[in-house]
């Protein structure tokens, strides 16, 4: 299984810090899954017109 490296920009880190704890935990879980090579199309998608930039998606009713 291929492993990936998740890099978080300063802007993304600021965004994550502004979320409620339950939402942050969901993002961390998705990041960990991707780093281990566990890929779910429900968790993220490749952004069109970019060179390898992906958008992580987390649903949380408490955001």
PDB file of N, CA and C in Angstrom:
ATOM      1  N   UNK A   1       0.840  -1.175   0.000  1.00  0.00           N
ATOM      2  CA  UNK A   1       0.000   0.000   0.000  1.00  0.00           C
ATOM      3  C   UNK A   1       0.889   1.242   0.000  1.00  0.00           C
ATOM      4  N   UNK A   2       0.570   2.191  -0.870  1.00  0.00           N
ATOM      5  CA  UNK A   2       1.353   3.420  -0.977  1.00  0.00           C
ATOM      6  C   UNK A   2       1.004   4.368   0.166  1.00  0.00           C
ATOM      7  N   UNK A   3       2.013   4.974   0.743  1.00  0.00           N
ATOM      8  CA  UNK A   3       1.810   5.945   1.827  1.00  0.00           C
ATOM      9  C   UNK A   3       2.000   7.351   1.266  1.00  0.00           C
ATOM     10  N   UNK A   4       1.358   8.311   1.865  1.00  0.00           N
ATOM     11  CA  UNK A   4       1.409   9.694   1.418  1.00  0.00           C
ATOM     12  C   UNK A   4       1.833  10.591   2.569  1.00  0.00           C
ATOM     13  N   UNK A   5       2.335  11.757   2.222  1.00  0.00           N
ATOM     14  CA  UNK A   5       2.692  12.755   3.220  1.00  0.00           C
ATOM     15  C   UNK A   5       1.673  13.885   3.148  1.00  0.00           C
ATOM     16  N   UNK A   6       1.101  14.233   4.260  1.00  0.00           N
ATOM     17  CA  UNK A   6       0.143  15.327   4.329  1.00  0.00           C
ATOM     18  C   UNK A   6       0.879  16.560   4.813  1.00  0.00           C
ATOM     19  N   UNK A   7       0.863  17.603   4.003  1.00  0.00           N
ATOM     20  CA  UNK A   7       1.476  18.874   4.379  1.00  0.00           C
ATOM     21  C   UNK A   7       0.364  19.881   4.621  1.00  0.00           C
ATOM     22  N   UNK A   8       0.442  20.568   5.731  1.00  0.00           N
ATOM     23  CA  UNK A   8      -0.584  21.537   6.101  1.00  0.00           C
ATOM     24  C   UNK A   8       0.024  22.930   6.054  1.00  0.00           C
ATOM     25  N   UNK A   9      -0.548  23.794   5.231  1.00  0.00           N
ATOM     26  CA  UNK A   9      -0.056  25.167   5.119  1.00  0.00           C
ATOM     27  C   UNK A   9      -0.438  25.962   6.368  1.00  0.00           C
ATOM     28  N   UNK A  10       0.171  27.119   6.514  1.00  0.00           N
ATOM     29  CA  UNK A  10      -0.167  27.989   7.650  1.00  0.00           C
ATOM     30  C   UNK A  10      -1.648  28.382   7.607  1.00  0.00           C
ATOM     31  N   UNK A  11      -2.146  28.633   6.393  1.00  0.00           N
ATOM     32  CA  UNK A  11      -3.556  29.005   6.245  1.00  0.00           C
ATOM     33  C   UNK A  11      -4.466  27.861   6.675  1.00  0.00           C
ATOM     34  N   UNK A  12      -4.103  26.647   6.272  1.00  0.00           N
ATOM     35  CA  UNK A  12      -4.903  25.479   6.645  1.00  0.00           C
ATOM     36  C   UNK A  12      -4.842  25.254   8.151  1.00  0.00           C
ATOM     37  N   UNK A  13      -3.671  25.454   8.728  1.00  0.00           N
ATOM     38  CA  UNK A  13      -3.526  25.287  10.179  1.00  0.00           C
ATOM     39  C   UNK A  13      -4.395  26.296  10.929  1.00  0.00           C
ATOM     40  N   UNK A  14      -4.423  27.536  10.443  1.00  0.00           N
ATOM     41  CA  UNK A  14      -5.267  28.559  11.062  1.00  0.00           C
ATOM     42  C   UNK A  14      -6.742  28.182  10.937  1.00  0.00           C
ATOM     43  N   UNK A  15      -7.113  27.651   9.782  1.00  0.00           N
ATOM     44  CA  UNK A  15      -8.495  27.201   9.578  1.00  0.00           C
ATOM     45  C   UNK A  15      -8.849  26.099  10.575  1.00  0.00           C
ATOM     46  N   UNK A  16      -7.957  25.111  10.694  1.00  0.00           N
ATOM     47  CA  UNK A  16      -8.202  23.992  11.607  1.00  0.00           C
ATOM     48  C   UNK A  16      -8.316  24.468  13.055  1.00  0.00           C
ATOM     49  N   UNK A  17      -7.475  25.415  13.444  1.00  0.00           N
ATOM     50  CA  UNK A  17      -7.515  25.937  14.812  1.00  0.00           C
ATOM     51  C   UNK A  17      -8.832  26.650  15.109  1.00  0.00           C
ATOM     52  N   UNK A  18      -9.485  27.177  14.063  1.00  0.00           N
ATOM     53  CA  UNK A  18     -10.743  27.877  14.244  1.00  0.00           C
ATOM     54  C   UNK A  18     -11.955  26.962  14.327  1.00  0.00           C
ATOM     55  N   UNK A  19     -11.749  25.675  14.082  1.00  0.00           N
ATOM     56  CA  UNK A  19     -12.857  24.717  14.132  1.00  0.00           C
ATOM     57  C   UNK A  19     -13.104  24.225  15.549  1.00  0.00           C
ATOM     58  N   UNK A  20     -14.285  23.705  15.757  1.00  0.00           N
ATOM     59  CA  UNK A  20     -14.576  23.047  17.027  1.00  0.00           C
ATOM     60  C   UNK A  20     -13.758  21.772  17.108  1.00  0.00           C
ATOM     61  N   UNK A  21     -13.519  21.320  18.319  1.00  0.00           N
ATOM     62  CA  UNK A  21     -12.662  20.161  18.551  1.00  0.00           C
ATOM     63  C   UNK A  21     -13.141  18.926  17.787  1.00  0.00           C
ATOM     64  N   UNK A  22     -14.442  18.702  17.721  1.00  0.00           N
ATOM     65  CA  UNK A  22     -14.959  17.513  17.032  1.00  0.00           C
ATOM     66  C   UNK A  22     -14.594  17.534  15.550  1.00  0.00           C
ATOM     67  N   UNK A  23     -14.642  18.692  14.932  1.00  0.00           N
ATOM     68  CA  UNK A  23     -14.271  18.811  13.519  1.00  0.00           C
ATOM     69  C   UNK A  23     -12.782  18.611  13.323  1.00  0.00           C
ATOM     70  N   UNK A  24     -11.965  19.220  14.199  1.00  0.00           N
ATOM     71  CA  UNK A  24     -10.501  19.046  14.119  1.00  0.00           C
ATOM     72  C   UNK A  24     -10.131  17.577  14.223  1.00  0.00           C
ATOM     73  N   UNK A  25     -10.762  16.861  15.144  1.00  0.00           N
ATOM     74  CA  UNK A  25     -10.459  15.441  15.323  1.00  0.00           C
ATOM     75  C   UNK A  25     -10.777  14.648  14.064  1.00  0.00           C
ATOM     76  N   UNK A  26     -11.851  15.011  13.381  1.00  0.00           N
ATOM     77  CA  UNK A  26     -12.209  14.310  12.144  1.00  0.00           C
ATOM     78  C   UNK A  26     -11.164  14.567  11.064  1.00  0.00           C
ATOM     79  N   UNK A  27     -10.685  15.805  10.963  1.00  0.00           N
ATOM     80  CA  UNK A  27      -9.636  16.098   9.991  1.00  0.00           C
ATOM     81  C   UNK A  27      -8.367  15.304  10.310  1.00  0.00           C
ATOM     82  N   UNK A  28      -7.965  15.281  11.561  1.00  0.00           N
ATOM     83  CA  UNK A  28      -6.758  14.547  11.961  1.00  0.00           C
ATOM     84  C   UNK A  28      -6.907  13.072  11.616  1.00  0.00           C
ATOM     85  N   UNK A  29      -8.075  12.521  11.836  1.00  0.00           N
ATOM     86  CA  UNK A  29      -8.326  11.115  11.501  1.00  0.00           C
ATOM     87  C   UNK A  29      -8.173  10.876   9.998  1.00  0.00           C
ATOM     88  N   UNK A  30      -8.723  11.774   9.186  1.00  0.00           N
ATOM     89  CA  UNK A  30      -8.606  11.633   7.731  1.00  0.00           C
ATOM     90  C   UNK A  30      -7.153  11.779   7.303  1.00  0.00           C
ATOM     91  N   UNK A  31      -6.428  12.767   7.870  1.00  0.00           N
ATOM     92  CA  UNK A  31      -5.014  12.933   7.544  1.00  0.00           C
ATOM     93  C   UNK A  31      -4.241  11.648   7.837  1.00  0.00           C
ATOM     94  N   UNK A  32      -4.498  11.055   8.985  1.00  0.00           N
ATOM     95  CA  UNK A  32      -3.795   9.831   9.389  1.00  0.00           C
ATOM     96  C   UNK A  32      -4.109   8.688   8.437  1.00  0.00           C
ATOM     97  N   UNK A  33      -5.366   8.551   8.047  1.00  0.00           N
ATOM     98  CA  UNK A  33      -5.763   7.489   7.119  1.00  0.00           C
ATOM     99  C   UNK A  33      -5.021   7.633   5.795  1.00  0.00           C
ATOM    100  N   UNK A  34      -4.957   8.852   5.273  1.00  0.00           N
ATOM    101  CA  UNK A  34      -4.288   9.088   3.995  1.00  0.00           C
ATOM    102  C   UNK A  34      -2.799   8.788   4.113  1.00  0.00           C
ATOM    103  N   UNK A  35      -2.171   9.217   5.200  1.00  0.00           N
ATOM    104  CA  UNK A  35      -0.738   8.942   5.379  1.00  0.00           C
ATOM    105  C   UNK A  35      -0.460   7.447   5.417  1.00  0.00           C
ATOM    106  N   UNK A  36      -1.421   6.658   5.887  1.00  0.00           N
ATOM    107  CA  UNK A  36      -1.262   5.207   5.928  1.00  0.00           C
ATOM    108  C   UNK A  36      -1.649   4.557   4.599  1.00  0.00           C
ATOM    109  N   UNK A  37      -2.129   5.362   3.642  1.00  0.00           N
ATOM    110  CA  UNK A  37      -2.494   4.830   2.337  1.00  0.00           C
ATOM    111  C   UNK A  37      -3.953   4.414   2.226  1.00  0.00           C
ATOM    112  N   UNK A  38      -4.743   4.741   3.223  1.00  0.00           N
ATOM    113  CA  UNK A  38      -6.167   4.415   3.194  1.00  0.00           C
ATOM    114  C   UNK A  38      -6.889   5.608   2.570  1.00  0.00           C
ATOM    115  N   UNK A  39      -7.350   5.406   1.344  1.00  0.00           N
ATOM    116  CA  UNK A  39      -7.925   6.495   0.568  1.00  0.00           C
ATOM    117  C   UNK A  39      -9.419   6.278   0.384  1.00  0.00           C
ATOM    118  N   UNK A  40     -10.197   7.289   0.705  1.00  0.00           N
ATOM    119  CA  UNK A  40     -11.644   7.258   0.492  1.00  0.00           C
ATOM    120  C   UNK A  40     -12.038   8.499  -0.296  1.00  0.00           C
ATOM    121  N   UNK A  41     -12.728   8.298  -1.404  1.00  0.00           N
ATOM    122  CA  UNK A  41     -13.149   9.441  -2.219  1.00  0.00           C
ATOM    123  C   UNK A  41     -14.105  10.355  -1.474  1.00  0.00           C
ATOM    124  N   UNK A  42     -14.702   9.873  -0.401  1.00  0.00           N
ATOM    125  CA  UNK A  42     -15.583  10.717   0.397  1.00  0.00           C
ATOM    126  C   UNK A  42     -14.791  11.693   1.265  1.00  0.00           C
ATOM    127  N   UNK A  43     -13.527  11.393   1.509  1.00  0.00           N
ATOM    128  CA  UNK A  43     -12.710  12.214   2.397  1.00  0.00           C
ATOM    129  C   UNK A  43     -11.986  13.359   1.697  1.00  0.00           C
ATOM    130  N   UNK A  44     -11.698  13.214   0.419  1.00  0.00           N
ATOM    131  CA  UNK A  44     -10.990  14.285  -0.273  1.00  0.00           C
ATOM    132  C   UNK A  44     -11.104  14.127  -1.777  1.00  0.00           C
ATOM    133  N   UNK A  45     -10.757  15.207  -2.503  1.00  0.00           N
ATOM    134  CA  UNK A  45     -10.740  15.145  -3.959  1.00  0.00           C
ATOM    135  C   UNK A  45      -9.599  15.999  -4.479  1.00  0.00           C
ATOM    136  N   UNK A  46      -9.103  15.628  -5.657  1.00  0.00           N
ATOM    137  CA  UNK A  46      -8.039  16.399  -6.299  1.00  0.00           C
ATOM    138  C   UNK A  46      -8.669  17.652  -6.890  1.00  0.00           C
ATOM    139  N   UNK A  47      -8.033  18.787  -6.663  1.00  0.00           N
ATOM    140  CA  UNK A  47      -8.543  20.036  -7.199  1.00  0.00           C
ATOM    141  C   UNK A  47      -8.131  20.172  -8.662  1.00  0.00           C
ATOM    142  N   UNK A  48      -9.109  20.406  -9.527  1.00  0.00           N
ATOM    143  CA  UNK A  48      -8.813  20.527 -10.951  1.00  0.00           C
ATOM    144  C   UNK A  48      -7.969  21.773 -11.195  1.00  0.00           C
ATOM    145  N   UNK A  49      -7.116  21.685 -12.189  1.00  0.00           N
ATOM    146  CA  UNK A  49      -6.260  22.804 -12.542  1.00  0.00           C
ATOM    147  C   UNK A  49      -5.073  22.996 -11.621  1.00  0.00           C
ATOM    148  N   UNK A  50      -4.789  21.997 -10.765  1.00  0.00           N
ATOM    149  CA  UNK A  50      -3.637  22.096  -9.863  1.00  0.00           C
ATOM    150  C   UNK A  50      -2.685  20.940 -10.123  1.00  0.00           C
ATOM    151  N   UNK A  51      -1.504  21.072  -9.608  1.00  0.00           N
ATOM    152  CA  UNK A  51      -0.492  20.027  -9.753  1.00  0.00           C
ATOM    153  C   UNK A  51      -0.359  19.279  -8.427  1.00  0.00           C
ATOM    154  N   UNK A  52      -1.306  18.378  -8.166  1.00  0.00           N
ATOM    155  CA  UNK A  52      -1.212  17.551  -6.971  1.00  0.00           C
ATOM    156  C   UNK A  52      -1.794  18.168  -5.721  1.00  0.00           C
ATOM    157  N   UNK A  53      -2.681  19.147  -5.861  1.00  0.00           N
ATOM    158  CA  UNK A  53      -3.303  19.761  -4.698  1.00  0.00           C
ATOM    159  C   UNK A  53      -4.650  19.082  -4.448  1.00  0.00           C
ATOM    160  N   UNK A  54      -4.871  18.690  -3.197  1.00  0.00           N
ATOM    161  CA  UNK A  54      -6.088  17.973  -2.837  1.00  0.00           C
ATOM    162  C   UNK A  54      -6.853  18.728  -1.769  1.00  0.00           C
ATOM    163  N   UNK A  55      -8.174  18.599  -1.818  1.00  0.00           N
ATOM    164  CA  UNK A  55      -9.043  19.212  -0.833  1.00  0.00           C
ATOM    165  C   UNK A  55      -9.586  18.118   0.081  1.00  0.00           C
ATOM    166  N   UNK A  56      -9.338  18.266   1.373  1.00  0.00           N
ATOM    167  CA  UNK A  56      -9.890  17.317   2.338  1.00  0.00           C
ATOM    168  C   UNK A  56     -11.300  17.755   2.692  1.00  0.00           C
ATOM    169  N   UNK A  57     -12.186  16.772   2.823  1.00  0.00           N
ATOM    170  CA  UNK A  57     -13.584  17.078   3.119  1.00  0.00           C
ATOM    171  C   UNK A  57     -14.017  16.312   4.353  1.00  0.00           C
ATOM    172  N   UNK A  58     -14.547  17.044   5.292  1.00  0.00           N
ATOM    173  CA  UNK A  58     -15.034  16.421   6.526  1.00  0.00           C
ATOM    174  C   UNK A  58     -16.415  16.996   6.817  1.00  0.00           C
ATOM    175  N   UNK A  59     -17.354  16.111   7.075  1.00  0.00           N
ATOM    176  CA  UNK A  59     -18.683  16.556   7.449  1.00  0.00           C
ATOM    177  C   UNK A  59     -18.825  16.461   8.957  1.00  0.00           C
ATOM    178  N   UNK A  60     -19.281  17.567   9.534  1.00  0.00           N
ATOM    179  CA  UNK A  60     -19.514  17.587  10.965  1.00  0.00           C
ATOM    180  C   UNK A  60     -20.628  18.581  11.222  1.00  0.00           C
ATOM    181  N   UNK A  61     -21.665  18.142  11.844  1.00  0.00           N
ATOM    182  CA  UNK A  61     -22.796  19.009  12.131  1.00  0.00           C
ATOM    183  C   UNK A  61     -22.489  20.030  13.211  1.00  0.00           C
ATOM    184  N   UNK A  62     -21.330  19.908  13.842  1.00  0.00           N
ATOM    185  CA  UNK A  62     -20.960  20.798  14.952  1.00  0.00           C
ATOM    186  C   UNK A  62     -19.975  21.880  14.547  1.00  0.00           C
ATOM    187  N   UNK A  63     -19.810  22.146  13.236  1.00  0.00           N
ATOM    188  CA  UNK A  63     -18.823  23.142  12.814  1.00  0.00           C
ATOM    189  C   UNK A  63     -19.300  24.542  13.016  1.00  0.00           C
TER     190      UNK A  63
END
